[in-house]
Amino acid sequence: MNHVTILFQIMKTGKSGSERENEVRRIQVTGRGSYVVSLPKGWVKQARLKRGGRVEFVEQPGVGLLVVPITESKVEGDQPRCEILISPDATADSVARKIISLYVVGFFTIVLTSDSENLSASVRDVIRYVARRKLVGVELVNESSKSATLQVLLDLPQLLVPDVLRRMSSIMTSMLQDAIHSLTIPDPELANQVLKIDDEMDRFSLYIIRQLKWAVQHPLLLGRIGLTAPVECLGYRIITKGVERSADHAARVAKNSMLIGHRMSSTVLKDINTLSGMASRMMQTAIDSLFVGDYELAESVLLDREKISSLEAKLVDHLLKEKMPASELSALRLISESLRRIGEYATDISEVVLNLTVKKSIEAPSAGPRHTRRQLSA
């Protein structure tokens, strides 16, 4: 067996469990050119591998190589299960938060059981509500007076993270347009529809967070959820939160629009439409810059940060000249603030895109024409 001069570095866990040491192994050549490197004995034991066991190699950005042990649970499909006891004094809200947290961290089966008596009616109602309205791919597969079982039936490849984020962005834009329309007509029923759609945004947001957490814990899943590098997980987490928060503000616009009983002046209506249009364009451009990987397009959103603040200030100045009840003036002020906040979330998203695309913009500048807002929106 011949030795070559290349060194292969392996990380192993130290005695404390958190400290890490470097262990250098020499690559060897055997047979007609196969390269062999031994694995640290401690790591093999920790991974519960035996002779004949299998590992999978995953190429990382640059020249890194990830070694992942293939266990029987992984081969058969690792679907963790948990059982929790519900105390008699547990509130419906606390049970809902517990279910959502267990879903987000990756459990596939969640069994909820009363630790003394029957589950209260309010707890049983909230279990059904969370399963049907808050979580993607969850079914209530078993229910009795003392227990309920929730099962995640959705496989990973069925909904890719980028596709879900595109859907969230589209819904958010539609919510904002309908909220402003319900204000200018006015139309309370349309505003109510916007509030109902907000639950859909929460479902998609929680689904993406679940997938990203699984990808961090299982790097092999990155490609299966539509991402290419671990660094994208943090970026998509921040972006998803920005889109979800923007939808919350669109819902607040709709809710506050129902408090307006007096017809607004044409000046105020024009200011509101201008401000909402700017916020919507900034958000759409930020999302477009993510999916086309365009650094300059993302940077263009940041240039509008001061402009949207100026538009809000102009609207507030005109509102103060309007003759209307204080409660309605307060509602319009909150609407203007929500529109500005949507623009600010767009700038947050753009800053993330800058971080994700800056290396590519330096190493491989585009030779063709840059995307423009008009081209992307056409």
Protein backbone atom coordinates (compact mmCIF):
# COMPACT_ATOMS: atom_id res chain seq x y z
CA MET A 1 0.00 0.00 0.00
CA ASN A 2 1.56 3.27 -1.15
CA HIS A 3 1.40 6.53 0.79
CA VAL A 4 0.75 9.93 -0.74
CA THR A 5 1.63 13.26 0.78
CA ILE A 6 -1.94 14.67 0.98
CA LEU A 7 -3.29 14.99 4.50
CA PHE A 8 -6.95 14.50 5.39
CA GLN A 9 -8.23 16.35 8.48
CA ILE A 10 -11.03 14.90 10.58
CA MET A 11 -12.79 16.60 13.48
CA LYS A 12 -13.48 14.50 16.54
CA THR A 13 -15.36 15.23 19.75
CA GLY A 14 -13.22 15.88 22.80
CA LYS A 15 -13.78 14.54 26.31
CA SER A 16 -16.04 17.41 27.29
CA GLY A 17 -18.39 16.71 24.40
CA SER A 18 -18.20 20.31 23.25
CA GLU A 19 -14.45 20.78 22.69
CA ARG A 20 -13.10 19.62 19.36
CA GLU A 21 -9.66 18.45 18.38
CA ASN A 22 -8.04 18.09 15.01
CA GLU A 23 -6.93 14.66 13.98
CA VAL A 24 -4.86 14.32 10.83
CA ARG A 25 -5.05 11.13 8.78
CA ARG A 26 -2.88 10.30 5.80
CA ILE A 27 -4.58 9.31 2.55
CA GLN A 28 -3.37 5.97 1.17
CA VAL A 29 -3.62 4.39 -2.26
CA THR A 30 -4.64 0.80 -2.69
CA GLY A 31 -5.30 -1.44 -5.68
CA ARG A 32 -5.34 0.41 -8.97
CA GLY A 33 -5.83 3.88 -7.59
CA SER A 34 -8.51 3.76 -4.89
CA TYR A 35 -7.92 6.31 -2.13
CA VAL A 36 -8.43 5.14 1.44
CA VAL A 37 -8.46 7.00 4.76
CA SER A 38 -9.17 5.48 8.17
CA LEU A 39 -11.87 6.89 10.45
CA PRO A 40 -11.24 7.76 14.12
CA LYS A 41 -12.29 4.90 16.40
CA GLY A 42 -14.06 7.24 18.82
CA TRP A 43 -16.18 8.76 16.07
CA VAL A 44 -17.12 5.29 14.75
CA LYS A 45 -18.33 4.26 18.22
CA GLN A 46 -20.22 7.52 18.72
CA ALA A 47 -21.95 7.02 15.37
CA ARG A 48 -22.75 3.40 16.37
CA LEU A 49 -21.13 1.99 13.27
CA LYS A 50 -19.76 -1.53 12.99
CA ARG A 51 -17.74 -3.49 10.47
CA GLY A 52 -19.67 -3.50 7.21
CA GLY A 53 -21.52 -0.32 8.20
CA ARG A 54 -22.05 2.41 5.64
CA VAL A 55 -21.28 6.10 5.46
CA GLU A 56 -22.31 8.68 2.90
CA PHE A 57 -20.04 11.42 1.51
CA VAL A 58 -21.55 14.81 0.78
CA GLU A 59 -19.53 17.46 -1.04
CA GLN A 60 -19.56 20.83 0.70
CA PRO A 61 -18.96 24.29 -0.80
CA GLY A 62 -15.29 24.70 -1.64
CA VAL A 63 -13.31 21.49 -1.08
CA GLY A 64 -15.03 20.25 2.09
CA LEU A 65 -16.39 16.72 2.40
CA LEU A 66 -19.04 15.72 4.94
CA VAL A 67 -19.04 12.13 6.24
CA VAL A 68 -22.51 11.05 7.39
CA PRO A 69 -23.19 7.65 9.00
CA ILE A 70 -26.10 5.69 7.52
CA THR A 71 -28.02 4.05 10.36
CA GLU A 72 -30.91 1.63 10.13
CA SER A 73 -33.34 4.33 11.27
CA LYS A 74 -32.13 6.53 8.45
CA VAL A 75 -32.52 3.76 5.88
CA GLU A 76 -36.06 3.01 7.04
CA GLY A 77 -37.00 6.68 7.40
CA ASP A 78 -36.35 8.50 10.65
CA GLN A 79 -39.73 9.69 11.92
CA PRO A 80 -39.46 10.70 15.58
CA ARG A 81 -42.45 10.32 17.86
CA CYS A 82 -43.27 11.98 21.17
CA GLU A 83 -45.93 11.65 23.86
CA ILE A 84 -46.84 14.49 26.20
CA LEU A 85 -49.15 14.60 29.21
CA ILE A 86 -51.70 17.40 29.46
CA SER A 87 -52.40 18.53 33.02
CA PRO A 88 -55.95 19.51 34.03
CA ASP A 89 -54.95 23.16 34.48
CA ALA A 90 -53.30 23.46 31.05
CA THR A 91 -54.81 26.23 28.95
CA ALA A 92 -55.79 25.83 25.32
CA ASP A 93 -53.17 28.41 24.27
CA SER A 94 -50.35 26.59 26.08
CA VAL A 95 -51.34 23.31 24.41
CA ALA A 96 -51.39 25.02 21.01
CA ARG A 97 -47.90 26.44 21.58
CA LYS A 98 -46.63 23.02 22.64
CA ILE A 99 -47.99 21.33 19.51
CA ILE A 100 -46.53 24.00 17.23
CA SER A 101 -43.12 23.74 18.91
CA LEU A 102 -43.06 19.94 18.58
CA TYR A 103 -44.03 20.23 14.91
CA VAL A 104 -41.33 22.82 14.20
CA VAL A 105 -38.52 20.79 15.81
CA GLY A 106 -39.36 17.83 13.57
CA PHE A 107 -41.64 15.30 15.26
CA PHE A 108 -43.81 13.23 12.93
CA THR A 109 -46.15 11.75 15.54
CA ILE A 110 -47.44 13.76 18.50
CA VAL A 111 -49.57 11.99 21.11
CA LEU A 112 -51.35 14.18 23.66
CA THR A 113 -52.84 12.42 26.70
CA SER A 114 -54.58 13.70 29.82
CA ASP A 115 -52.60 12.75 32.93
CA SER A 116 -55.68 12.45 35.14
CA GLU A 117 -59.09 13.05 33.60
CA ASN A 118 -60.58 13.70 30.18
CA LEU A 119 -59.19 16.43 27.95
CA SER A 120 -61.26 19.57 28.32
CA ALA A 121 -63.48 20.71 25.45
CA SER A 122 -61.34 23.80 24.90
CA VAL A 123 -58.15 21.72 24.64
CA ARG A 124 -59.75 19.29 22.19
CA ASP A 125 -61.02 22.20 20.10
CA VAL A 126 -57.59 23.82 19.95
CA ILE A 127 -55.96 20.52 18.93
CA ARG A 128 -58.35 20.29 15.96
CA TYR A 129 -57.83 23.98 15.10
CA VAL A 130 -54.04 23.78 15.15
CA ALA A 131 -54.01 20.61 13.04
CA ARG A 132 -56.39 21.98 10.42
CA ARG A 133 -55.53 25.67 10.30
CA LYS A 134 -51.95 26.15 11.52
CA LEU A 135 -49.82 23.22 10.36
CA VAL A 136 -49.11 21.92 6.85
CA GLY A 137 -49.47 18.17 6.31
CA VAL A 138 -50.83 17.34 9.80
CA GLU A 139 -53.84 15.11 10.39
CA LEU A 140 -55.71 14.20 13.57
CA VAL A 141 -55.54 10.43 13.09
CA ASN A 142 -56.89 9.35 16.47
CA GLU A 143 -59.05 11.07 19.06
CA SER A 144 -60.75 9.99 22.27
CA SER A 145 -61.94 11.67 25.44
CA LYS A 146 -58.49 11.23 27.04
CA SER A 147 -56.04 11.46 24.12
CA ALA A 148 -55.40 12.72 20.61
CA THR A 149 -52.76 11.72 18.04
CA LEU A 150 -51.43 14.06 15.38
CA GLN A 151 -49.51 12.66 12.42
CA VAL A 152 -47.37 14.54 9.88
CA LEU A 153 -48.18 12.86 6.56
CA LEU A 154 -46.26 15.17 4.23
CA ASP A 155 -43.00 13.94 2.69
CA LEU A 156 -40.08 16.35 2.33
CA PRO A 157 -39.82 16.56 -1.49
CA GLN A 158 -43.48 17.44 -1.98
CA LEU A 159 -43.09 21.11 -1.02
CA LEU A 160 -39.69 22.70 -1.66
CA VAL A 161 -38.74 25.64 0.56
CA PRO A 162 -38.17 28.12 -2.34
CA ASP A 163 -41.55 27.21 -3.84
CA VAL A 164 -43.33 27.73 -0.51
CA LEU A 165 -41.57 31.07 -0.04
CA ARG A 166 -42.68 32.17 -3.52
CA ARG A 167 -46.24 31.23 -2.58
CA MET A 168 -45.98 33.20 0.68
CA SER A 169 -44.72 36.25 -1.19
CA SER A 170 -47.58 36.06 -3.68
CA ILE A 171 -50.17 35.72 -0.89
CA MET A 172 -48.67 38.63 1.04
CA THR A 173 -48.81 40.90 -2.03
CA SER A 174 -52.43 39.92 -2.65
CA MET A 175 -53.31 40.54 1.02
CA LEU A 176 -51.83 44.03 0.88
CA GLN A 177 -53.65 44.92 -2.33
CA ASP A 178 -56.97 43.70 -0.95
CA ALA A 179 -56.40 45.49 2.37
CA ILE A 180 -55.82 48.81 0.61
CA HIS A 181 -58.79 48.20 -1.69
CA SER A 182 -61.02 47.49 1.32
CA LEU A 183 -59.89 50.83 2.77
CA THR A 184 -60.48 52.95 -0.31
CA ILE A 185 -63.90 51.53 -1.32
CA PRO A 186 -64.60 50.84 1.69
CA ASP A 187 -65.42 47.09 1.91
CA PRO A 188 -65.46 45.46 5.40
CA GLU A 189 -66.19 42.02 3.93
CA LEU A 190 -63.03 42.15 1.80
CA ALA A 191 -61.07 43.23 4.87
CA ASN A 192 -62.42 40.20 6.73
CA GLN A 193 -61.21 37.92 3.94
CA VAL A 194 -57.70 39.33 4.34
CA LEU A 195 -57.74 38.49 8.05
CA LYS A 196 -58.74 34.88 7.29
CA ILE A 197 -55.87 34.44 4.81
CA ASP A 198 -53.34 35.32 7.52
CA ASP A 199 -53.67 31.80 8.96
CA GLU A 200 -52.44 30.41 5.64
CA MET A 201 -49.27 32.48 5.92
CA ASP A 202 -48.64 31.13 9.43
CA ARG A 203 -48.99 27.56 8.14
CA PHE A 204 -46.43 28.07 5.39
CA SER A 205 -44.05 29.91 7.70
CA LEU A 206 -44.07 27.12 10.30
CA TYR A 207 -43.60 24.53 7.55
CA ILE A 208 -40.49 26.28 6.22
CA ILE A 209 -39.04 26.62 9.73
CA ARG A 210 -39.60 22.88 10.27
CA GLN A 211 -37.82 22.01 7.01
CA LEU A 212 -34.89 24.32 7.73
CA LYS A 213 -34.38 22.86 11.20
CA TRP A 214 -34.34 19.36 9.74
CA ALA A 215 -31.84 20.41 7.08
CA VAL A 216 -29.51 21.83 9.74
CA GLN A 217 -29.68 18.57 11.68
CA HIS A 218 -29.52 16.39 8.55
CA PRO A 219 -27.31 18.06 5.91
CA LEU A 220 -28.24 15.39 3.38
CA LEU A 221 -31.73 16.88 3.24
CA LEU A 222 -30.55 20.23 1.84
CA GLY A 223 -31.08 19.23 -1.77
CA ARG A 224 -34.37 17.54 -0.98
CA ILE A 225 -35.89 20.78 0.33
CA GLY A 226 -34.58 22.87 -2.58
CA LEU A 227 -31.45 24.46 -1.08
CA THR A 228 -27.82 24.03 -2.09
CA ALA A 229 -25.69 25.11 0.89
CA PRO A 230 -26.07 25.15 4.71
CA VAL A 231 -25.56 28.93 4.79
CA GLU A 232 -28.87 29.33 2.95
CA CYS A 233 -30.79 27.93 5.92
CA LEU A 234 -30.18 30.99 8.09
CA GLY A 235 -30.89 33.32 5.17
CA TYR A 236 -34.19 31.64 4.31
CA ARG A 237 -35.18 31.63 7.98
CA ILE A 238 -34.75 35.42 8.20
CA ILE A 239 -36.46 36.01 4.86
CA THR A 240 -39.41 33.78 5.74
CA LYS A 241 -39.89 35.70 8.98
CA GLY A 242 -39.81 38.99 7.07
CA VAL A 243 -42.49 37.87 4.62
CA GLU A 244 -44.65 36.45 7.42
CA ARG A 245 -44.36 39.66 9.45
CA SER A 246 -45.23 41.70 6.37
CA ALA A 247 -48.40 39.62 5.97
CA ASP A 248 -49.22 40.39 9.62
CA HIS A 249 -48.98 44.10 8.82
CA ALA A 250 -51.18 43.66 5.75
CA ALA A 251 -53.75 42.03 8.04
CA ARG A 252 -53.43 44.99 10.45
CA VAL A 253 -54.10 47.36 7.57
CA ALA A 254 -57.29 45.42 6.81
CA LYS A 255 -58.32 45.35 10.48
CA ASN A 256 -57.78 49.08 10.93
CA SER A 257 -59.57 49.86 7.66
CA MET A 258 -62.78 48.56 9.24
CA LEU A 259 -62.53 51.33 11.85
CA ILE A 260 -62.71 54.12 9.28
CA GLY A 261 -66.24 55.50 9.01
CA HIS A 262 -65.60 58.82 7.27
CA ARG A 263 -64.69 59.32 3.65
CA MET A 264 -61.07 60.41 3.31
CA SER A 265 -59.89 63.24 1.12
CA SER A 266 -58.44 62.53 -2.31
CA THR A 267 -55.05 63.74 -1.06
CA VAL A 268 -54.95 61.20 1.76
CA LEU A 269 -56.17 58.40 -0.53
CA LYS A 270 -53.46 59.25 -3.04
CA ASP A 271 -50.80 59.26 -0.32
CA ILE A 272 -51.96 55.88 0.98
CA ASN A 273 -51.93 54.31 -2.50
CA THR A 274 -48.47 55.74 -3.20
CA LEU A 275 -47.08 54.46 0.10
CA SER A 276 -48.62 50.99 -0.30
CA GLY A 277 -47.41 50.80 -3.90
CA MET A 278 -43.86 51.59 -2.80
CA ALA A 279 -43.97 49.00 0.00
CA SER A 280 -45.33 46.34 -2.37
CA ARG A 281 -42.68 47.07 -5.04
CA MET A 282 -39.88 46.96 -2.49
CA MET A 283 -41.02 43.59 -1.17
CA GLN A 284 -41.48 42.11 -4.64
CA THR A 285 -38.07 43.37 -5.77
CA ALA A 286 -36.41 41.94 -2.64
CA ILE A 287 -37.95 38.52 -3.29
CA ASP A 288 -37.06 38.67 -6.99
CA SER A 289 -33.45 39.49 -6.11
CA LEU A 290 -33.32 36.34 -3.97
CA PHE A 291 -34.53 33.99 -6.68
CA VAL A 292 -32.45 35.48 -9.52
CA GLY A 293 -29.43 35.87 -7.22
CA ASP A 294 -28.91 39.51 -8.20
CA TYR A 295 -26.78 41.58 -5.79
CA GLU A 296 -27.47 44.91 -7.51
CA LEU A 297 -31.21 44.31 -7.60
CA ALA A 298 -31.20 43.67 -3.84
CA GLU A 299 -29.13 46.81 -3.30
CA SER A 300 -31.70 48.88 -5.21
CA VAL A 301 -34.26 48.11 -2.50
CA LEU A 302 -31.99 49.62 0.15
CA LEU A 303 -31.86 52.84 -1.84
CA ASP A 304 -35.63 53.21 -1.36
CA ARG A 305 -35.43 53.02 2.45
CA GLU A 306 -35.36 56.80 2.92
CA LYS A 307 -38.00 57.33 0.25
CA ILE A 308 -40.62 55.19 1.97
CA SER A 309 -39.98 56.98 5.28
CA SER A 310 -40.51 60.30 3.51
CA LEU A 311 -43.77 59.08 1.98
CA GLU A 312 -45.03 58.04 5.41
CA ALA A 313 -44.12 61.42 6.89
CA LYS A 314 -45.98 63.15 4.06
CA LEU A 315 -49.08 61.02 4.68
CA VAL A 316 -49.02 61.72 8.42
CA ASP A 317 -48.71 65.44 7.76
CA HIS A 318 -51.84 65.33 5.57
CA LEU A 319 -53.70 63.18 8.10
CA LEU A 320 -53.20 65.79 10.82
CA LYS A 321 -55.08 68.28 8.62
CA GLU A 322 -58.08 65.96 8.24
CA LYS A 323 -61.22 66.55 10.28
CA MET A 324 -62.19 63.16 11.67
CA PRO A 325 -62.63 61.45 15.06
CA ALA A 326 -59.45 60.72 17.00
CA SER A 327 -60.11 56.96 16.85
CA GLU A 328 -60.19 57.01 13.03
CA LEU A 329 -57.14 59.23 12.85
CA SER A 330 -55.32 56.74 15.09
CA ALA A 331 -56.37 53.84 12.84
CA LEU A 332 -55.03 55.62 9.75
CA ARG A 333 -51.81 56.40 11.57
CA LEU A 334 -51.39 52.69 12.35
CA ILE A 335 -52.07 51.87 8.70
CA SER A 336 -49.33 54.23 7.56
CA GLU A 337 -46.94 52.68 10.08
CA SER A 338 -47.73 49.15 8.86
CA LEU A 339 -47.06 50.14 5.26
CA ARG A 340 -43.69 51.59 6.24
CA ARG A 341 -42.84 48.47 8.22
CA ILE A 342 -43.48 46.30 5.16
CA GLY A 343 -40.93 48.39 3.28
CA GLU A 344 -38.47 47.96 6.17
CA TYR A 345 -38.91 44.18 6.11
CA ALA A 346 -38.16 44.33 2.37
CA THR A 347 -34.85 46.05 3.16
CA ASP A 348 -34.07 43.37 5.78
CA ILE A 349 -34.66 40.69 3.15
CA SER A 350 -32.47 42.54 0.68
CA GLU A 351 -29.61 42.71 3.19
CA VAL A 352 -29.78 38.93 3.53
CA VAL A 353 -29.72 38.57 -0.26
CA LEU A 354 -26.64 40.81 -0.39
CA ASN A 355 -24.86 38.43 1.98
CA LEU A 356 -25.91 35.38 -0.04
CA THR A 357 -24.89 36.82 -3.41
CA VAL A 358 -21.91 39.08 -2.72
CA LYS A 359 -19.32 36.34 -3.31
CA LYS A 360 -20.88 35.40 -6.63
CA SER A 361 -21.05 39.05 -7.70
CA ILE A 362 -17.29 39.40 -7.13
CA GLU A 363 -16.12 36.07 -8.53
CA ALA A 364 -18.37 35.87 -11.57
CA PRO A 365 -19.81 39.23 -12.60
CA SER A 366 -22.65 38.91 -15.06
CA ALA A 367 -21.63 39.48 -18.68
CA GLY A 368 -25.20 40.02 -19.83
CA PRO A 369 -27.62 42.85 -19.12
CA ARG A 370 -28.76 43.27 -15.54
CA HIS A 371 -32.31 42.43 -14.56
CA THR A 372 -34.44 45.50 -14.02
CA ARG A 373 -37.58 45.89 -11.96
CA ARG A 374 -39.60 46.31 -15.12
CA GLN A 375 -38.20 43.10 -16.63
CA LEU A 376 -38.93 41.13 -13.47
CA SER A 377 -42.44 42.41 -13.05
CA ALA A 378 -43.36 41.96 -16.70
